[in-house]
């Protein structure tokens, strides 16, 4: 109120401190002004977080070193329908943000890895963000479960869904199901599909790792006695 409006846009805190001190001195308000300026919030430094998060929208960068994970948590975290894939679009600024990521290029990040890494590895999997960046969490999609299960059909790919979890979501296996030769079909590239065999008996016994599922996967439980149910 004493000085009136002071222009701060595009000015560093040190330059703003010097300008306010000069005006206080020139105006005869203080003889030896000591001015400290602290930024409460960078309103013009925004990053957009969209897609399957609890509170999508623009978020300010309030401190240096803010990462993709920081912004996802600021947006309330992933929603129930969020997939494992994050689409990170760095704003074009003339230089790469980290190894393998050209400025302005779309970068795919793994949500589970990003939220549970730290240290040197975390710097690669969880890059820092800059004004104008866009973080998008697409919905997870669906998987199809058929064969000798109680309720064949399509089911949403919730976070952490595995072959065993998909079979459980489909009501569990029927008596004639061959749990040692469960087939997982996955599209790995346009026009290219691969099949994997999962031993659910070994998974249940802890002798083998379960397999995470992705959008478009097909899980099929064959019969121990017949080729088709």
Protein backbone atom coordinates (compact mmCIF):
# COMPACT_ATOMS: atom_id res chain seq x y z
CA UNK A 1 0.00 0.00 0.00
CA UNK A 2 2.90 2.39 0.68
CA UNK A 3 4.61 1.88 -2.69
CA UNK A 4 1.65 0.91 -4.83
CA UNK A 5 1.85 -1.78 -7.53
CA UNK A 6 5.30 -3.23 -8.22
CA UNK A 7 5.87 -5.23 -11.41
CA UNK A 8 7.11 -8.75 -10.59
CA UNK A 9 6.41 -10.74 -13.77
CA UNK A 10 9.62 -11.98 -15.37
CA UNK A 11 11.77 -10.60 -12.54
CA UNK A 12 13.97 -12.67 -10.24
CA UNK A 13 13.47 -12.46 -6.48
CA UNK A 14 16.85 -10.75 -6.01
CA UNK A 15 16.05 -8.13 -8.66
CA UNK A 16 12.63 -7.55 -7.12
CA UNK A 17 14.19 -7.10 -3.68
CA UNK A 18 16.59 -4.51 -5.08
CA UNK A 19 13.79 -2.66 -6.89
CA UNK A 20 11.57 -2.47 -3.80
CA UNK A 21 14.50 -1.32 -1.66
CA UNK A 22 15.34 1.39 -4.21
CA UNK A 23 11.75 2.67 -4.30
CA UNK A 24 11.56 2.71 -0.50
CA UNK A 25 14.80 4.68 -0.38
CA UNK A 26 13.94 7.09 -3.21
CA UNK A 27 10.52 7.73 -1.73
CA UNK A 28 12.01 8.67 1.61
CA UNK A 29 10.05 5.92 3.32
CA UNK A 30 13.07 4.12 4.80
CA UNK A 31 16.70 5.18 5.11
CA UNK A 32 18.28 1.72 4.93
CA UNK A 33 15.59 -0.72 3.74
CA UNK A 34 16.22 -4.45 4.11
CA UNK A 35 13.87 -6.30 1.75
CA UNK A 36 13.27 -10.04 1.49
CA UNK A 37 11.01 -11.49 -1.21
CA UNK A 38 9.71 -15.06 -1.02
CA UNK A 39 7.59 -16.66 -3.75
CA UNK A 40 4.47 -18.23 -2.26
CA UNK A 41 3.38 -19.86 -5.53
CA UNK A 42 4.51 -19.81 -9.16
CA UNK A 43 1.14 -19.36 -10.82
CA UNK A 44 2.52 -19.03 -14.34
CA UNK A 45 4.66 -22.17 -14.06
CA UNK A 46 2.07 -24.83 -14.68
CA UNK A 47 2.10 -28.54 -15.54
CA UNK A 48 -1.05 -30.33 -16.74
CA UNK A 49 -1.99 -33.67 -15.18
CA UNK A 50 -4.81 -35.35 -17.10
CA UNK A 51 -6.44 -38.73 -17.59
CA UNK A 52 -7.06 -41.30 -14.86
CA UNK A 53 -6.11 -39.30 -11.75
CA UNK A 54 -8.44 -38.23 -8.94
CA UNK A 55 -8.17 -34.47 -9.62
CA UNK A 56 -7.04 -33.78 -13.21
CA UNK A 57 -6.06 -30.23 -14.09
CA UNK A 58 -3.20 -27.72 -14.18
CA UNK A 59 -0.80 -27.68 -11.21
CA UNK A 60 1.80 -25.03 -10.32
CA UNK A 61 5.48 -25.82 -9.92
CA UNK A 62 6.04 -24.46 -6.43
CA UNK A 63 9.56 -25.79 -5.86
CA UNK A 64 12.57 -26.87 -7.92
CA UNK A 65 13.11 -30.56 -8.58
CA UNK A 66 9.42 -31.46 -8.81
CA UNK A 67 9.00 -34.86 -10.52
CA UNK A 68 6.30 -36.67 -12.48
CA UNK A 69 5.41 -38.72 -9.37
CA UNK A 70 5.10 -35.53 -7.28
CA UNK A 71 2.54 -34.12 -9.71
CA UNK A 72 0.58 -37.39 -9.88
CA UNK A 73 0.26 -37.40 -6.08
CA UNK A 74 -0.64 -33.68 -6.12
CA UNK A 75 -3.50 -34.64 -8.45
CA UNK A 76 -4.79 -37.13 -5.87
CA UNK A 77 -2.94 -40.15 -7.20
CA UNK A 78 -4.01 -42.65 -9.86
CA UNK A 79 -7.72 -43.42 -10.04
CA UNK A 80 -9.04 -46.98 -9.97
CA UNK A 81 -9.16 -47.27 -13.75
CA UNK A 82 -5.59 -46.04 -14.31
CA UNK A 83 -3.32 -48.30 -16.31
CA UNK A 84 0.40 -48.86 -15.80
CA UNK A 85 1.38 -46.65 -18.73
CA UNK A 86 2.09 -42.93 -18.27
CA UNK A 87 2.32 -40.64 -21.30
CA UNK A 88 4.73 -37.82 -20.45
CA UNK A 89 4.92 -34.95 -22.95
CA UNK A 90 7.81 -32.59 -22.12
CA UNK A 91 7.33 -29.05 -23.39
CA UNK A 92 9.67 -28.23 -26.31
CA UNK A 93 12.54 -26.30 -24.72
CA UNK A 94 15.46 -27.09 -26.97
CA UNK A 95 17.15 -29.78 -24.89
CA UNK A 96 16.60 -33.30 -23.61
CA UNK A 97 15.28 -33.67 -20.08
CA UNK A 98 17.08 -36.97 -19.48
CA UNK A 99 18.84 -39.70 -21.44
CA UNK A 100 16.68 -41.09 -24.23
CA UNK A 101 14.07 -38.32 -24.11
CA UNK A 102 14.22 -35.65 -26.78
CA UNK A 103 12.64 -32.30 -26.00
CA UNK A 104 9.00 -32.29 -27.08
CA UNK A 105 8.90 -36.07 -27.68
CA UNK A 106 6.28 -38.31 -26.05
CA UNK A 107 7.84 -40.46 -23.32
CA UNK A 108 6.22 -43.62 -21.95
CA UNK A 109 6.81 -44.33 -18.25
CA UNK A 110 5.76 -47.29 -16.10
CA UNK A 111 3.49 -46.16 -13.26
CA UNK A 112 4.39 -48.92 -10.80
CA UNK A 113 8.13 -48.45 -11.32
CA UNK A 114 7.83 -44.68 -11.11
CA UNK A 115 5.97 -44.70 -7.78
CA UNK A 116 8.34 -47.16 -6.10
CA UNK A 117 11.84 -46.10 -7.16
CA UNK A 118 14.35 -43.70 -5.66
CA UNK A 119 17.98 -42.62 -5.96
CA UNK A 120 19.84 -42.79 -9.26
CA UNK A 121 17.32 -45.19 -10.80
CA UNK A 122 14.48 -42.90 -9.81
CA UNK A 123 16.01 -39.99 -11.71
CA UNK A 124 15.57 -41.96 -14.94
CA UNK A 125 12.20 -43.56 -14.23
CA UNK A 126 10.78 -40.47 -12.50
CA UNK A 127 12.03 -37.39 -14.41
CA UNK A 128 11.73 -33.82 -13.24
CA UNK A 129 9.03 -31.68 -14.83
CA UNK A 130 9.14 -28.20 -16.34
CA UNK A 131 6.52 -25.55 -17.12
CA UNK A 132 4.28 -26.60 -19.99
CA UNK A 133 4.79 -30.35 -19.55
CA UNK A 134 1.76 -32.66 -19.80
CA UNK A 135 1.34 -35.86 -17.76
CA UNK A 136 -1.40 -38.21 -18.99
CA UNK A 137 -2.54 -41.43 -17.30
CA UNK A 138 -4.67 -43.35 -19.83
CA UNK A 139 -7.28 -45.79 -18.52
CA UNK A 140 -6.13 -49.36 -18.17
CA UNK A 141 -8.49 -51.00 -20.66
CA UNK A 142 -9.72 -54.59 -20.42
CA UNK A 143 -8.59 -58.21 -20.59
CA UNK A 144 -10.65 -61.16 -21.78
CA UNK A 145 -10.84 -64.38 -19.75
CA UNK A 146 -12.35 -67.49 -21.32
CA UNK A 147 -12.17 -71.27 -21.26
CA UNK A 148 -12.87 -73.28 -18.13
CA UNK A 149 -13.73 -70.44 -15.75
CA UNK A 150 -17.04 -69.76 -14.02
CA UNK A 151 -17.76 -66.38 -15.66
CA UNK A 152 -15.97 -65.93 -19.00
CA UNK A 153 -15.89 -62.35 -20.25
CA UNK A 154 -14.04 -59.05 -20.32
CA UNK A 155 -12.69 -57.48 -17.13
CA UNK A 156 -11.06 -54.09 -16.42
CA UNK A 157 -7.30 -54.03 -16.00
CA UNK A 158 -6.99 -52.66 -12.49
CA UNK A 159 -3.57 -51.70 -11.15
CA UNK A 160 -1.46 -54.76 -10.44
CA UNK A 161 -3.86 -57.20 -12.14
CA UNK A 162 -2.19 -60.54 -12.88
CA UNK A 163 -3.21 -63.79 -14.56
CA UNK A 164 -4.27 -65.28 -11.22
CA UNK A 165 -6.23 -62.14 -10.37
CA UNK A 166 -8.04 -62.19 -13.72
CA UNK A 167 -9.02 -65.83 -13.23
CA UNK A 168 -10.30 -64.98 -9.75
CA UNK A 169 -12.29 -62.04 -11.17
CA UNK A 170 -13.88 -64.48 -13.62
CA UNK A 171 -15.21 -66.54 -10.72
CA UNK A 172 -12.27 -68.92 -10.49
CA UNK A 173 -11.45 -72.06 -12.45
CA UNK A 174 -13.88 -74.88 -13.09
CA UNK A 175 -13.18 -78.45 -12.04
CA UNK A 176 -11.96 -79.56 -15.46
CA UNK A 177 -9.55 -76.63 -15.92
CA UNK A 178 -5.89 -77.34 -16.58
CA UNK A 179 -4.26 -74.76 -14.30
CA UNK A 180 -0.74 -75.80 -15.29
CA UNK A 181 -1.16 -74.72 -18.92
CA UNK A 182 -2.99 -71.39 -18.82
CA UNK A 183 -2.51 -69.50 -22.08
CA UNK A 184 -1.83 -65.76 -22.21
CA UNK A 185 -2.15 -64.13 -25.63
CA UNK A 186 -0.75 -60.62 -26.06
CA UNK A 187 -0.40 -58.20 -28.96
CA UNK A 188 3.22 -57.03 -28.78
CA UNK A 189 3.20 -54.96 -32.00
CA UNK A 190 0.74 -54.12 -34.77
CA UNK A 191 -0.05 -57.41 -36.47
CA UNK A 192 2.16 -59.41 -34.08
CA UNK A 193 0.76 -61.59 -31.31
CA UNK A 194 2.57 -63.86 -28.88
CA UNK A 195 1.37 -66.65 -26.62
CA UNK A 196 2.75 -67.49 -23.20
CA UNK A 197 2.04 -70.43 -20.91
CA UNK A 198 1.48 -69.70 -17.22
CA UNK A 199 1.52 -72.45 -14.58
CA UNK A 200 -1.04 -71.22 -12.05
CA UNK A 201 -0.44 -74.20 -9.78
CA UNK A 202 3.21 -73.20 -9.51
CA UNK A 203 2.19 -69.56 -8.97
CA UNK A 204 -0.18 -70.56 -6.15
CA UNK A 205 2.54 -72.70 -4.54
CA UNK A 206 5.06 -69.87 -4.75
CA UNK A 207 7.31 -71.71 -7.20
CA UNK A 208 6.72 -69.27 -10.06
CA UNK A 209 6.01 -65.56 -10.43
CA UNK A 210 2.59 -64.38 -11.52
CA UNK A 211 2.35 -62.39 -14.76
CA UNK A 212 1.01 -58.79 -14.85
CA UNK A 213 -1.65 -58.16 -17.49
CA UNK A 214 -2.03 -55.35 -20.00
CA UNK A 215 -4.87 -53.95 -22.05
CA UNK A 216 -6.04 -56.38 -24.74
CA UNK A 217 -4.58 -59.53 -23.17
CA UNK A 218 -6.51 -62.80 -23.50
CA UNK A 219 -6.32 -65.39 -20.71
CA UNK A 220 -7.57 -68.86 -21.58
CA UNK A 221 -7.89 -71.88 -19.28
CA UNK A 222 -7.90 -75.14 -21.25
CA UNK A 223 -9.48 -78.36 -20.09
CA UNK A 224 -7.53 -81.26 -18.68
CA UNK A 225 -9.66 -83.60 -20.79
CA UNK A 226 -10.87 -81.70 -23.90
CA UNK A 227 -9.36 -79.14 -26.22
CA UNK A 228 -12.36 -76.78 -25.89
CA UNK A 229 -14.93 -76.29 -23.11
